[in-house]
Amino acid sequence: MDLGISGKVAMVAASSKGIGLAIARALHDEGCRLSLCGRSQEALDEACLGLRGASGFVCDVSNRESIEGWYQATASELGPPDILITNTGGPPAGAWESMTDEQWQQGFESTLLNVVRLVRLAAEPMKTNGWGRIVHLTSIVAKQPHALLPISSTLRAGLMGLTRLQAASLAEHGITVNSVLPGHTLTDRQVHLAKVRSEREGISAQEALEAQARSIPMRRLAEPDEIASAVAFLCSQKASYVTGVNLLVDGGLTMGHG
């Protein structure tokens, strides 16, 4: 399917691996000109190998100067973004009372404030052009809080509200803003959480993953490409009348919470 976004400049945060990389690949397949970011230049170089013409920039999305540097480098090398995908690795796991003030503050910087900063930068040229697509990658814990993910659950719920606020303020400029809430997906993060659960419950990490899969109506975890397909559609011309949506892509796990 031609999504009508060939030639568009797309900034994809945290895109050297996992779901972020899958999104970058999906947009690359649609002809987008890509700006990737991540913490490791080596990982970015590897990610860009299969993405012809893609540029990779080292960026710490919890840091304002680093975000501004990524944006300016993208605008200089590729042009201002038409598409922005916000994404970040999840905050640490553990009981809410065990999380330190520093962990909460770091989570706020990397999970919520980075979205404010990125959209503030990217929205201006989108307004000028009268066209833009912004998609925030978040998590099902925004809808269904998880006891071992208190920081993520709290901040990603806030991101749902921010999505709607941004969508309302930018709609008249031809800019759509949506968020995608992935369910349990086969990524390094999911494997890490399985290890946390295995230590807590005295089972193996593989058993934890299998138990997670059994809790999903589709009886399996998602592949990163399945999340990326939903994101790519929201970036398309065909989704021009879809905005302010928080889309669950979770195999039916949170049915009734939409």
Foldseek 3Di string as FASTA:
>chain_A
DQQACAAFEEEQEQQLDFLSLLLLVVVLVNHYQYEYEEQDPVSQVVSCPVRPNHHYDYADLLDLVRLVVSQVVCCVPRRAGQEYEQDDDAQAWAAPVPDDPVSLSSLCSRQPVSVVSNCVVRLVVLLVVLGHEYEYEAACLLLVPDRGRVSSNVRSVVVLVVQLVVQVVRVVSLYAGEYEHEAAEPGPSNLVVLPVVCVVVVHDSVVSQQVSLCLAPVSHHHYSNQSSVVSVNSRGPVVSPDHSYYHYDYNRNPPVRD
